[in-house]
Amino acid sequence: MDRTERFYKIELLIRNRECVSFATLLEALEVSPATLKRDLQYLRERMDAPIEYDAQANGYRLVQAADSQGRGRTHELPGVWFSEKELHALLTMHQMLSGLDEDGILSRHLQPMFDKLSGMLGADEAEAKALTQRVKLISTAKRRVPSEFFETVGSAVVKRQRLRLHYRSRGAGSALKERLVSPQRLVHYRNTWYLDAWCHQSEGFRRFALDAMEAAELLPERARAVAIKQLEAELDQGYGIFAGAKTREAQLIFSAEAAQWVAREEWHPAQQSEWLADGRWRLRVPYVDATELLMDLLRHAGQVEVLGPAELRAAFAKRLRQAVQALA
């Protein structure tokens, strides 16, 4: 049995029999004396289990502690346990989260929980710090979001309340507009946070970049309820962050050299691909707006051929010509 099972069995045996000898525990757990001693020490020091050795009875018993009102308080092991591997995985996730959360918006709320996880692992402060230094998350072109907006938007998503936004759209003719929205979910994509919401002005789903918000106010009204499947059907069908339900299919062929890397990538959950006899790789991906797809294709300029649609092929050729002209 693993350590978690042993902890529960130790406490169960002592609770049911009131006093249990070291030999009885060894026989029940089928472990070495050194392992049992470590388990007992961990339960006392890390889990605050009131286990004491009774010399007269030659066994271990649970001592009932008193609460602040002087009443007897029964010790209970936590309802959720993690193995050592699971604890390591959770602490690694914490470090990854910290890499996405440089301003500490999320980490400051979660830190007490992760401190307790470090304690369950038996790691002191120096050991915990050394563990987190073994994971590094490198982000580029990150757009910073003011912490007050992130927390307001996050609260609206969790509490299912409406938001009033002052939002500045990008591109030609960008202007600051007020939007009344029903938040549905937060999306983290390519180092940028977005809010997927029902916009009451335009009466449709919209995706808002948090870094383009200039004000966010939590309103008391309940957010419009939307099924996740409906949200996904409206916003998740296209390529990248550009939303829309009506898609077209890009038909691409990558050179044998580029295919060594590209074939391992997922460009879209609904993509279709196949290897060609000469080592090239054919990829078909759905898209709504070509903007982001063109940016990714330009990374493979000279190594990818755009077969269609015709408008995508023309747009890609135009971008290549513009790049050449910029170098002239």
C-alpha atoms as a PDB file:
ATOM      1  CA  MET A   1       0.000   0.000   0.000  1.00  0.00           C
ATOM      2  CA  ASP A   2       1.142   3.564  -0.600  1.00  0.00           C
ATOM      3  CA  ARG A   3       1.847   6.162   2.080  1.00  0.00           C
ATOM      4  CA  THR A   4      -1.606   7.730   1.882  1.00  0.00           C
ATOM      5  CA  GLU A   5      -3.301   4.387   2.592  1.00  0.00           C
ATOM      6  CA  ARG A   6      -0.901   3.753   5.482  1.00  0.00           C
ATOM      7  CA  PHE A   7      -1.753   7.096   7.092  1.00  0.00           C
ATOM      8  CA  TYR A   8      -5.460   6.313   7.047  1.00  0.00           C
ATOM      9  CA  LYS A   9      -4.902   2.790   8.312  1.00  0.00           C
ATOM     10  CA  ILE A  10      -2.682   3.967  11.191  1.00  0.00           C
ATOM     11  CA  GLU A  11      -5.287   6.456  12.385  1.00  0.00           C
ATOM     12  CA  LEU A  12      -8.136   3.979  11.882  1.00  0.00           C
ATOM     13  CA  LEU A  13      -6.365   1.264  13.894  1.00  0.00           C
ATOM     14  CA  ILE A  14      -5.536   3.596  16.762  1.00  0.00           C
ATOM     15  CA  ARG A  15      -9.033   5.108  16.797  1.00  0.00           C
ATOM     16  CA  ASN A  16     -10.812   1.732  16.773  1.00  0.00           C
ATOM     17  CA  ARG A  17      -8.567  -0.018  19.314  1.00  0.00           C
ATOM     18  CA  GLU A  18      -7.793   3.033  21.470  1.00  0.00           C
ATOM     19  CA  CYS A  19      -4.227   1.826  22.017  1.00  0.00           C
ATOM     20  CA  VAL A  20      -2.124  -0.077  19.480  1.00  0.00           C
ATOM     21  CA  SER A  21       1.386  -1.443  19.918  1.00  0.00           C
ATOM     22  CA  PHE A  22       4.230  -0.761  17.512  1.00  0.00           C
ATOM     23  CA  ALA A  23       4.383  -4.484  16.677  1.00  0.00           C
ATOM     24  CA  THR A  24       0.670  -4.577  15.810  1.00  0.00           C
ATOM     25  CA  LEU A  25       1.055  -1.605  13.483  1.00  0.00           C
ATOM     26  CA  LEU A  26       4.047  -3.246  11.794  1.00  0.00           C
ATOM     27  CA  GLU A  27       2.082  -6.432  11.188  1.00  0.00           C
ATOM     28  CA  ALA A  28      -0.977  -4.592   9.849  1.00  0.00           C
ATOM     29  CA  LEU A  29       0.974  -2.283   7.536  1.00  0.00           C
ATOM     30  CA  GLU A  30       3.658  -4.750   6.409  1.00  0.00           C
ATOM     31  CA  VAL A  31       6.421  -2.137   6.404  1.00  0.00           C
ATOM     32  CA  SER A  32       9.824  -1.800   8.024  1.00  0.00           C
ATOM     33  CA  PRO A  33      10.200  -0.266  11.524  1.00  0.00           C
ATOM     34  CA  ALA A  34      12.010   2.729   9.982  1.00  0.00           C
ATOM     35  CA  THR A  35       9.111   3.380   7.581  1.00  0.00           C
ATOM     36  CA  LEU A  36       6.542   3.174  10.380  1.00  0.00           C
ATOM     37  CA  LYS A  37       8.557   5.614  12.506  1.00  0.00           C
ATOM     38  CA  ARG A  38       8.670   8.069   9.603  1.00  0.00           C
ATOM     39  CA  ASP A  39       4.913   7.719   9.068  1.00  0.00           C
ATOM     40  CA  LEU A  40       4.161   8.392  12.732  1.00  0.00           C
ATOM     41  CA  GLN A  41       6.492  11.397  12.736  1.00  0.00           C
ATOM     42  CA  TYR A  42       4.866  12.789   9.584  1.00  0.00           C
ATOM     43  CA  LEU A  43       1.365  12.399  11.022  1.00  0.00           C
ATOM     44  CA  ARG A  44       2.367  14.234  14.186  1.00  0.00           C
ATOM     45  CA  GLU A  45       4.445  17.030  12.669  1.00  0.00           C
ATOM     46  CA  ARG A  46       2.822  17.630   9.283  1.00  0.00           C
ATOM     47  CA  MET A  47      -0.785  16.617   9.828  1.00  0.00           C
ATOM     48  CA  ASP A  48      -1.073  17.639  13.505  1.00  0.00           C
ATOM     49  CA  ALA A  49      -2.362  14.198  14.458  1.00  0.00           C
ATOM     50  CA  PRO A  50      -2.431  13.978  18.319  1.00  0.00           C
ATOM     51  CA  ILE A  51      -0.766  10.551  18.409  1.00  0.00           C
ATOM     52  CA  GLU A  52       1.113   9.861  21.635  1.00  0.00           C
ATOM     53  CA  TYR A  53       3.011   6.869  22.960  1.00  0.00           C
ATOM     54  CA  ASP A  54       1.610   5.434  26.202  1.00  0.00           C
ATOM     55  CA  ALA A  55       4.509   3.786  28.035  1.00  0.00           C
ATOM     56  CA  GLN A  56       2.259   1.997  30.547  1.00  0.00           C
ATOM     57  CA  ALA A  57       0.079   0.429  27.863  1.00  0.00           C
ATOM     58  CA  ASN A  58       3.063   0.013  25.503  1.00  0.00           C
ATOM     59  CA  GLY A  59       1.155   1.442  22.565  1.00  0.00           C
ATOM     60  CA  TYR A  60       0.020   4.487  20.637  1.00  0.00           C
ATOM     61  CA  ARG A  61      -3.231   6.327  21.293  1.00  0.00           C
ATOM     62  CA  LEU A  62      -5.024   9.436  20.059  1.00  0.00           C
ATOM     63  CA  VAL A  63      -5.168  12.209  22.634  1.00  0.00           C
ATOM     64  CA  GLN A  64      -8.319  14.286  22.344  1.00  0.00           C
ATOM     65  CA  ALA A  65      -7.390  17.962  22.169  1.00  0.00           C
ATOM     66  CA  ALA A  66      -9.642  20.760  23.443  1.00  0.00           C
ATOM     67  CA  ASP A  67     -10.953  23.590  21.299  1.00  0.00           C
ATOM     68  CA  SER A  68     -11.141  27.268  22.317  1.00  0.00           C
ATOM     69  CA  GLN A  69     -14.357  26.563  24.318  1.00  0.00           C
ATOM     70  CA  GLY A  70     -12.755  23.686  26.186  1.00  0.00           C
ATOM     71  CA  ARG A  71     -14.717  21.028  24.320  1.00  0.00           C
ATOM     72  CA  GLY A  72     -13.136  17.849  23.057  1.00  0.00           C
ATOM     73  CA  ARG A  73     -11.993  18.097  19.436  1.00  0.00           C
ATOM     74  CA  THR A  74     -11.595  14.979  17.299  1.00  0.00           C
ATOM     75  CA  HIS A  75      -8.733  14.940  14.808  1.00  0.00           C
ATOM     76  CA  GLU A  76      -9.623  14.051  11.231  1.00  0.00           C
ATOM     77  CA  LEU A  77      -7.267  13.449   8.340  1.00  0.00           C
ATOM     78  CA  PRO A  78      -8.034  15.569   5.272  1.00  0.00           C
ATOM     79  CA  GLY A  79     -10.612  14.225   2.865  1.00  0.00           C
ATOM     80  CA  VAL A  80      -8.341  14.771  -0.164  1.00  0.00           C
ATOM     81  CA  TRP A  81      -4.915  13.181  -0.321  1.00  0.00           C
ATOM     82  CA  PHE A  82      -2.173  13.296  -2.907  1.00  0.00           C
ATOM     83  CA  SER A  83       0.690  10.940  -3.601  1.00  0.00           C
ATOM     84  CA  GLU A  84       4.212  12.325  -3.717  1.00  0.00           C
ATOM     85  CA  LYS A  85       4.131  12.306  -7.536  1.00  0.00           C
ATOM     86  CA  GLU A  86       0.817  14.181  -7.513  1.00  0.00           C
ATOM     87  CA  LEU A  87       2.226  16.760  -5.096  1.00  0.00           C
ATOM     88  CA  HIS A  88       5.233  17.300  -7.355  1.00  0.00           C
ATOM     89  CA  ALA A  89       2.879  17.732 -10.319  1.00  0.00           C
ATOM     90  CA  LEU A  90       0.741  20.269  -8.427  1.00  0.00           C
ATOM     91  CA  LEU A  91       3.775  22.299  -7.372  1.00  0.00           C
ATOM     92  CA  THR A  92       5.030  22.230 -10.956  1.00  0.00           C
ATOM     93  CA  MET A  93       1.634  23.523 -12.088  1.00  0.00           C
ATOM     94  CA  HIS A  94       1.966  26.294  -9.514  1.00  0.00           C
ATOM     95  CA  GLN A  95       5.229  27.410 -11.076  1.00  0.00           C
ATOM     96  CA  MET A  96       3.676  27.325 -14.549  1.00  0.00           C
ATOM     97  CA  LEU A  97       0.772  29.405 -13.280  1.00  0.00           C
ATOM     98  CA  SER A  98       3.201  31.903 -11.786  1.00  0.00           C
ATOM     99  CA  GLY A  99       4.806  32.255 -15.210  1.00  0.00           C
ATOM    100  CA  LEU A 100       1.433  33.310 -16.626  1.00  0.00           C
ATOM    101  CA  ASP A 101       0.725  35.536 -13.641  1.00  0.00           C
ATOM    102  CA  GLU A 102       3.641  37.921 -13.217  1.00  0.00           C
ATOM    103  CA  ASP A 103       1.512  40.477 -11.360  1.00  0.00           C
ATOM    104  CA  GLY A 104       0.490  37.867  -8.788  1.00  0.00           C
ATOM    105  CA  ILE A 105      -3.231  38.294  -9.454  1.00  0.00           C
ATOM    106  CA  LEU A 106      -3.945  34.580  -9.028  1.00  0.00           C
ATOM    107  CA  SER A 107      -0.889  33.453  -7.082  1.00  0.00           C
ATOM    108  CA  ARG A 108      -1.571  35.550  -4.005  1.00  0.00           C
ATOM    109  CA  HIS A 109      -4.916  33.797  -3.556  1.00  0.00           C
ATOM    110  CA  LEU A 110      -3.506  30.324  -4.176  1.00  0.00           C
ATOM    111  CA  GLN A 111      -0.208  30.659  -2.286  1.00  0.00           C
ATOM    112  CA  PRO A 112      -1.568  29.444   1.111  1.00  0.00           C
ATOM    113  CA  MET A 113      -2.783  26.233  -0.528  1.00  0.00           C
ATOM    114  CA  PHE A 114       0.562  25.638  -2.240  1.00  0.00           C
ATOM    115  CA  ASP A 115       2.426  26.323   1.022  1.00  0.00           C
ATOM    116  CA  LYS A 116       0.389  23.527   2.587  1.00  0.00           C
ATOM    117  CA  LEU A 117       1.155  21.231  -0.344  1.00  0.00           C
ATOM    118  CA  SER A 118       4.868  21.925   0.154  1.00  0.00           C
ATOM    119  CA  GLY A 119       4.438  20.977   3.794  1.00  0.00           C
ATOM    120  CA  MET A 120       2.679  17.734   2.878  1.00  0.00           C
ATOM    121  CA  LEU A 121       5.634  16.925   0.644  1.00  0.00           C
ATOM    122  CA  GLY A 122       7.945  17.488   3.576  1.00  0.00           C
ATOM    123  CA  ALA A 123       9.790  20.309   1.822  1.00  0.00           C
ATOM    124  CA  ASP A 124      11.043  23.308   3.749  1.00  0.00           C
ATOM    125  CA  GLU A 125      11.061  26.805   2.249  1.00  0.00           C
ATOM    126  CA  ALA A 126      14.479  26.384   0.613  1.00  0.00           C
ATOM    127  CA  GLU A 127      13.542  23.009  -0.904  1.00  0.00           C
ATOM    128  CA  ALA A 128      10.237  24.355  -2.221  1.00  0.00           C
ATOM    129  CA  LYS A 129      12.001  27.323  -3.830  1.00  0.00           C
ATOM    130  CA  ALA A 130      14.587  25.021  -5.426  1.00  0.00           C
ATOM    131  CA  LEU A 131      11.777  22.874  -6.850  1.00  0.00           C
ATOM    132  CA  THR A 132      10.020  25.833  -8.485  1.00  0.00           C
ATOM    133  CA  GLN A 133      13.298  26.981 -10.037  1.00  0.00           C
ATOM    134  CA  ARG A 134      13.396  23.730 -12.024  1.00  0.00           C
ATOM    135  CA  VAL A 135      10.461  24.875 -14.167  1.00  0.00           C
ATOM    136  CA  LYS A 136      10.699  27.917 -16.438  1.00  0.00           C
ATOM    137  CA  LEU A 137       7.984  29.332 -18.664  1.00  0.00           C
ATOM    138  CA  ILE A 138       9.193  31.659 -21.426  1.00  0.00           C
ATOM    139  CA  SER A 139       6.633  34.081 -22.817  1.00  0.00           C
ATOM    140  CA  THR A 140       7.012  36.495 -25.716  1.00  0.00           C
ATOM    141  CA  ALA A 141       4.887  39.404 -26.928  1.00  0.00           C
ATOM    142  CA  LYS A 142       2.895  39.328 -23.705  1.00  0.00           C
ATOM    143  CA  ARG A 143       0.177  41.954 -23.331  1.00  0.00           C
ATOM    144  CA  ARG A 144      -0.156  43.176 -19.763  1.00  0.00           C
ATOM    145  CA  VAL A 145      -3.607  43.408 -18.188  1.00  0.00           C
ATOM    146  CA  PRO A 146      -4.253  45.798 -15.263  1.00  0.00           C
ATOM    147  CA  SER A 147      -4.891  43.570 -12.247  1.00  0.00           C
ATOM    148  CA  GLU A 148      -8.125  45.332 -11.261  1.00  0.00           C
ATOM    149  CA  PHE A 149      -9.666  44.506 -14.656  1.00  0.00           C
ATOM    150  CA  PHE A 150      -8.591  40.873 -14.488  1.00  0.00           C
ATOM    151  CA  GLU A 151     -10.087  40.400 -11.026  1.00  0.00           C
ATOM    152  CA  THR A 152     -13.314  42.195 -11.937  1.00  0.00           C
ATOM    153  CA  VAL A 153     -13.745  40.150 -15.108  1.00  0.00           C
ATOM    154  CA  GLY A 154     -12.807  36.931 -13.299  1.00  0.00           C
ATOM    155  CA  SER A 155     -15.373  37.645 -10.570  1.00  0.00           C
ATOM    156  CA  ALA A 156     -18.058  38.309 -13.177  1.00  0.00           C
ATOM    157  CA  VAL A 157     -17.347  34.979 -14.895  1.00  0.00           C
ATOM    158  CA  VAL A 158     -17.460  33.019 -11.636  1.00  0.00           C
ATOM    159  CA  LYS A 159     -20.440  34.853 -10.102  1.00  0.00           C
ATOM    160  CA  ARG A 160     -22.377  34.874 -13.406  1.00  0.00           C
ATOM    161  CA  GLN A 161     -22.970  38.636 -13.312  1.00  0.00           C
ATOM    162  CA  ARG A 162     -23.022  41.216 -16.099  1.00  0.00           C
ATOM    163  CA  LEU A 163     -20.239  43.680 -16.866  1.00  0.00           C
ATOM    164  CA  ARG A 164     -20.125  47.214 -18.190  1.00  0.00           C
ATOM    165  CA  LEU A 165     -16.971  47.689 -20.257  1.00  0.00           C
ATOM    166  CA  HIS A 166     -15.230  50.663 -21.788  1.00  0.00           C
ATOM    167  CA  TYR A 167     -13.538  48.905 -24.677  1.00  0.00           C
ATOM    168  CA  ARG A 168     -11.236  50.246 -27.381  1.00  0.00           C
ATOM    169  CA  SER A 169     -11.306  48.098 -30.504  1.00  0.00           C
ATOM    170  CA  ARG A 170      -8.170  47.940 -32.620  1.00  0.00           C
ATOM    171  CA  GLY A 171      -7.656  48.600 -36.286  1.00  0.00           C
ATOM    172  CA  ALA A 172      -8.784  51.369 -38.611  1.00  0.00           C
ATOM    173  CA  GLY A 173     -11.318  53.698 -37.028  1.00  0.00           C
ATOM    174  CA  SER A 174     -10.784  52.299 -33.535  1.00  0.00           C
ATOM    175  CA  ALA A 175     -12.908  54.063 -30.934  1.00  0.00           C
ATOM    176  CA  LEU A 176     -13.728  53.763 -27.254  1.00  0.00           C
ATOM    177  CA  LYS A 177     -17.194  52.253 -26.782  1.00  0.00           C
ATOM    178  CA  GLU A 178     -19.318  51.198 -23.843  1.00  0.00           C
ATOM    179  CA  ARG A 179     -20.397  47.569 -23.912  1.00  0.00           C
ATOM    180  CA  LEU A 180     -22.874  45.729 -21.701  1.00  0.00           C
ATOM    181  CA  VAL A 181     -21.932  42.053 -21.701  1.00  0.00           C
ATOM    182  CA  SER A 182     -22.793  38.727 -20.090  1.00  0.00           C
ATOM    183  CA  PRO A 183     -19.421  37.031 -19.427  1.00  0.00           C
ATOM    184  CA  GLN A 184     -19.159  33.353 -20.346  1.00  0.00           C
ATOM    185  CA  ARG A 185     -15.504  32.323 -19.999  1.00  0.00           C
ATOM    186  CA  LEU A 186     -11.905  33.546 -19.793  1.00  0.00           C
ATOM    187  CA  VAL A 187      -9.506  32.437 -22.529  1.00  0.00           C
ATOM    188  CA  HIS A 188      -5.704  32.540 -22.348  1.00  0.00           C
ATOM    189  CA  TYR A 189      -4.253  32.377 -25.852  1.00  0.00           C
ATOM    190  CA  ARG A 190      -0.715  33.138 -26.976  1.00  0.00           C
ATOM    191  CA  ASN A 191       0.165  35.089 -23.815  1.00  0.00           C
ATOM    192  CA  THR A 192      -2.993  37.198 -23.981  1.00  0.00           C
ATOM    193  CA  TRP A 193      -6.205  37.041 -21.923  1.00  0.00           C
ATOM    194  CA  TYR A 194      -9.601  37.295 -23.613  1.00  0.00           C
ATOM    195  CA  LEU A 195     -13.196  37.368 -22.389  1.00  0.00           C
ATOM    196  CA  ASP A 196     -15.823  35.448 -24.338  1.00  0.00           C
ATOM    197  CA  ALA A 197     -19.184  37.102 -23.718  1.00  0.00           C
ATOM    198  CA  TRP A 198     -22.667  37.760 -25.016  1.00  0.00           C
ATOM    199  CA  CYS A 199     -22.771  41.413 -26.103  1.00  0.00           C
ATOM    200  CA  HIS A 200     -26.199  42.931 -25.403  1.00  0.00           C
ATOM    201  CA  GLN A 201     -25.639  45.826 -27.837  1.00  0.00           C
ATOM    202  CA  SER A 202     -24.787  43.683 -30.848  1.00  0.00           C
ATOM    203  CA  GLU A 203     -26.938  40.755 -29.657  1.00  0.00           C
ATOM    204  CA  GLY A 204     -24.283  38.167 -30.361  1.00  0.00           C
ATOM    205  CA  PHE A 205     -21.158  36.503 -29.046  1.00  0.00           C
ATOM    206  CA  ARG A 206     -18.001  38.577 -28.984  1.00  0.00           C
ATOM    207  CA  ARG A 207     -14.412  38.038 -27.845  1.00  0.00           C
ATOM    208  CA  PHE A 208     -12.798  40.935 -25.946  1.00  0.00           C
ATOM    209  CA  ALA A 209      -9.061  41.322 -25.263  1.00  0.00           C
ATOM    210  CA  LEU A 210      -8.595  42.278 -21.604  1.00  0.00           C
ATOM    211  CA  ASP A 211      -5.674  44.569 -22.423  1.00  0.00           C
ATOM    212  CA  ALA A 212      -8.012  46.671 -24.630  1.00  0.00           C
ATOM    213  CA  MET A 213     -10.359  47.374 -21.712  1.00  0.00           C
ATOM    214  CA  GLU A 214     -10.127  50.841 -20.189  1.00  0.00           C
ATOM    215  CA  ALA A 215     -12.783  50.257 -17.522  1.00  0.00           C
ATOM    216  CA  ALA A 216     -14.713  47.258 -16.192  1.00  0.00           C
ATOM    217  CA  GLU A 217     -17.643  47.508 -13.769  1.00  0.00           C
ATOM    218  CA  LEU A 218     -19.348  44.536 -12.133  1.00  0.00           C
ATOM    219  CA  LEU A 219     -23.150  44.889 -12.296  1.00  0.00           C
ATOM    220  CA  PRO A 220     -25.739  43.239 -10.024  1.00  0.00           C
ATOM    221  CA  GLU A 221     -27.807  41.813 -12.914  1.00  0.00           C
ATOM    222  CA  ARG A 222     -27.437  38.125 -13.689  1.00  0.00           C
ATOM    223  CA  ALA A 223     -25.518  37.238 -16.842  1.00  0.00           C
ATOM    224  CA  ARG A 224     -27.408  35.673 -19.712  1.00  0.00           C
ATOM    225  CA  ALA A 225     -27.137  31.891 -19.432  1.00  0.00           C
ATOM    226  CA  VAL A 226     -25.529  30.237 -22.454  1.00  0.00           C
ATOM    227  CA  ALA A 227     -24.721  26.561 -22.963  1.00  0.00           C
ATOM    228  CA  ILE A 228     -20.999  25.900 -23.411  1.00  0.00           C
ATOM    229  CA  LYS A 229     -21.705  23.874 -26.568  1.00  0.00           C
ATOM    230  CA  GLN A 230     -23.452  26.879 -28.108  1.00  0.00           C
ATOM    231  CA  LEU A 231     -20.519  29.107 -27.146  1.00  0.00           C
ATOM    232  CA  GLU A 232     -18.041  26.674 -28.693  1.00  0.00           C
ATOM    233  CA  ALA A 233     -20.094  26.404 -31.884  1.00  0.00           C
ATOM    234  CA  GLU A 234     -20.042  30.189 -32.286  1.00  0.00           C
ATOM    235  CA  LEU A 235     -16.492  31.051 -31.213  1.00  0.00           C
ATOM    236  CA  ASP A 236     -14.269  27.987 -31.523  1.00  0.00           C
ATOM    237  CA  GLN A 237     -14.723  26.858 -35.110  1.00  0.00           C
ATOM    238  CA  GLY A 238     -12.204  29.146 -36.796  1.00  0.00           C
ATOM    239  CA  TYR A 239      -8.434  29.280 -36.743  1.00  0.00           C
ATOM    240  CA  GLY A 240      -6.758  30.885 -33.737  1.00  0.00           C
ATOM    241  CA  ILE A 241      -8.460  33.634 -31.794  1.00  0.00           C
ATOM    242  CA  PHE A 242     -10.738  34.867 -34.585  1.00  0.00           C
ATOM    243  CA  ALA A 243     -14.297  33.831 -33.855  1.00  0.00           C
ATOM    244  CA  GLY A 244     -17.146  32.869 -36.126  1.00  0.00           C
ATOM    245  CA  ALA A 245     -19.326  29.930 -37.047  1.00  0.00           C
ATOM    246  CA  LYS A 246     -18.991  30.054 -40.859  1.00  0.00           C
ATOM    247  CA  THR A 247     -15.638  28.565 -41.831  1.00  0.00           C
ATOM    248  CA  ARG A 248     -13.571  27.990 -44.957  1.00  0.00           C
ATOM    249  CA  GLU A 249     -10.863  25.364 -45.387  1.00  0.00           C
ATOM    250  CA  ALA A 250      -7.217  26.244 -45.967  1.00  0.00           C
ATOM    251  CA  GLN A 251      -5.319  23.671 -48.050  1.00  0.00           C
ATOM    252  CA  LEU A 252      -1.577  23.712 -47.397  1.00  0.00           C
ATOM    253  CA  ILE A 253       1.463  21.638 -48.346  1.00  0.00           C
ATOM    254  CA  PHE A 254       4.657  21.883 -46.286  1.00  0.00           C
ATOM    255  CA  SER A 255       8.085  20.909 -47.580  1.00  0.00           C
ATOM    256  CA  ALA A 256       9.686  17.708 -46.331  1.00  0.00           C
ATOM    257  CA  GLU A 257      12.085  19.795 -44.225  1.00  0.00           C
ATOM    258  CA  ALA A 258       9.377  21.878 -42.525  1.00  0.00           C
ATOM    259  CA  ALA A 259       7.162  18.815 -42.107  1.00  0.00           C
ATOM    260  CA  GLN A 260       9.566  17.371 -39.515  1.00  0.00           C
ATOM    261  CA  TRP A 261       8.275  20.005 -37.073  1.00  0.00           C
ATOM    262  CA  VAL A 262       4.894  21.071 -38.436  1.00  0.00           C
ATOM    263  CA  ALA A 263       3.533  17.525 -38.554  1.00  0.00           C
ATOM    264  CA  ARG A 264       3.859  17.364 -34.761  1.00  0.00           C
ATOM    265  CA  GLU A 265       1.846  20.557 -34.254  1.00  0.00           C
ATOM    266  CA  GLU A 266      -1.897  20.889 -33.833  1.00  0.00           C
ATOM    267  CA  TRP A 267      -3.045  23.889 -35.827  1.00  0.00           C
ATOM    268  CA  HIS A 268      -6.723  23.210 -35.159  1.00  0.00           C
ATOM    269  CA  PRO A 269      -8.652  20.433 -33.342  1.00  0.00           C
ATOM    270  CA  ALA A 270     -10.569  19.670 -36.567  1.00  0.00           C
ATOM    271  CA  GLN A 271      -7.541  19.661 -38.878  1.00  0.00           C
ATOM    272  CA  GLN A 272      -6.968  16.894 -41.435  1.00  0.00           C
ATOM    273  CA  SER A 273      -3.512  15.887 -42.583  1.00  0.00           C
ATOM    274  CA  GLU A 274      -1.594  13.276 -44.526  1.00  0.00           C
ATOM    275  CA  TRP A 275       1.962  12.468 -45.578  1.00  0.00           C
ATOM    276  CA  LEU A 276       2.726  12.597 -49.288  1.00  0.00           C
ATOM    277  CA  ALA A 277       4.943  10.066 -51.040  1.00  0.00           C
ATOM    278  CA  ASP A 278       7.810  12.562 -51.432  1.00  0.00           C
ATOM    279  CA  GLY A 279       7.942  13.368 -47.687  1.00  0.00           C
ATOM    280  CA  ARG A 280       5.879  16.547 -47.856  1.00  0.00           C
ATOM    281  CA  TRP A 281       2.929  17.067 -45.526  1.00  0.00           C
ATOM    282  CA  ARG A 282      -0.564  18.117 -46.589  1.00  0.00           C
ATOM    283  CA  LEU A 283      -2.638  20.008 -44.009  1.00  0.00           C
ATOM    284  CA  ARG A 284      -6.239  21.199 -44.168  1.00  0.00           C
ATOM    285  CA  VAL A 285      -7.480  23.566 -41.443  1.00  0.00           C
ATOM    286  CA  PRO A 286     -10.730  25.513 -40.999  1.00  0.00           C
ATOM    287  CA  TYR A 287     -10.541  29.285 -40.602  1.00  0.00           C
ATOM    288  CA  VAL A 288     -12.899  32.238 -40.379  1.00  0.00           C
ATOM    289  CA  ASP A 289     -10.559  35.216 -40.664  1.00  0.00           C
ATOM    290  CA  ALA A 290      -7.243  34.746 -42.485  1.00  0.00           C
ATOM    291  CA  THR A 291      -5.293  37.326 -40.425  1.00  0.00           C
ATOM    292  CA  GLU A 292      -3.732  34.998 -37.875  1.00  0.00           C
ATOM    293  CA  LEU A 293      -3.395  32.096 -40.299  1.00  0.00           C
ATOM    294  CA  LEU A 294      -1.369  34.300 -42.661  1.00  0.00           C
ATOM    295  CA  MET A 295       0.924  35.337 -39.794  1.00  0.00           C
ATOM    296  CA  ASP A 296       1.643  31.689 -39.013  1.00  0.00           C
ATOM    297  CA  LEU A 297       2.150  30.798 -42.667  1.00  0.00           C
ATOM    298  CA  LEU A 298       4.710  33.595 -43.030  1.00  0.00           C
ATOM    299  CA  ARG A 299       6.846  31.835 -40.406  1.00  0.00           C
ATOM    300  CA  HIS A 300       7.215  29.068 -42.979  1.00  0.00           C
ATOM    301  CA  ALA A 301       7.732  31.299 -46.031  1.00  0.00           C
ATOM    302  CA  GLY A 302       9.554  29.313 -48.701  1.00  0.00           C
ATOM    303  CA  GLN A 303       8.564  26.032 -47.026  1.00  0.00           C
ATOM    304  CA  VAL A 304       4.783  26.089 -47.507  1.00  0.00           C
ATOM    305  CA  GLU A 305       2.517  26.221 -50.545  1.00  0.00           C
ATOM    306  CA  VAL A 306      -1.033  27.558 -50.215  1.00  0.00           C
ATOM    307  CA  LEU A 307      -3.265  25.569 -52.573  1.00  0.00           C
ATOM    308  CA  GLY A 308      -6.517  27.289 -51.676  1.00  0.00           C
ATOM    309  CA  PRO A 309      -8.915  28.903 -51.327  1.00  0.00           C
ATOM    310  CA  ALA A 310      -7.942  31.354 -54.053  1.00  0.00           C
ATOM    311  CA  GLU A 311      -8.395  34.418 -51.826  1.00  0.00           C
ATOM    312  CA  LEU A 312      -6.082  32.925 -49.183  1.00  0.00           C
ATOM    313  CA  ARG A 313      -3.463  32.066 -51.805  1.00  0.00           C
ATOM    314  CA  ALA A 314      -3.665  35.639 -53.170  1.00  0.00           C
ATOM    315  CA  ALA A 315      -3.422  37.187 -49.699  1.00  0.00           C
ATOM    316  CA  PHE A 316      -0.356  35.064 -48.886  1.00  0.00           C
ATOM    317  CA  ALA A 317       1.333  36.044 -52.160  1.00  0.00           C
ATOM    318  CA  LYS A 318       0.598  39.716 -51.433  1.00  0.00           C
ATOM    319  CA  ARG A 319       2.211  39.461 -47.983  1.00  0.00           C
ATOM    320  CA  LEU A 320       5.308  37.861 -49.512  1.00  0.00           C
ATOM    321  CA  ARG A 321       5.600  40.644 -52.089  1.00  0.00           C
ATOM    322  CA  GLN A 322       5.226  43.273 -49.366  1.00  0.00           C
ATOM    323  CA  ALA A 323       8.006  41.613 -47.367  1.00  0.00           C
ATOM    324  CA  VAL A 324      10.337  41.657 -50.386  1.00  0.00           C
ATOM    325  CA  GLN A 325       9.516  45.313 -51.090  1.00  0.00           C
ATOM    326  CA  ALA A 326      10.267  46.238 -47.478  1.00  0.00           C
ATOM    327  CA  LEU A 327      13.794  44.855 -47.933  1.00  0.00           C
ATOM    328  CA  ALA A 328      14.401  46.651 -51.246  1.00  0.00           C
END
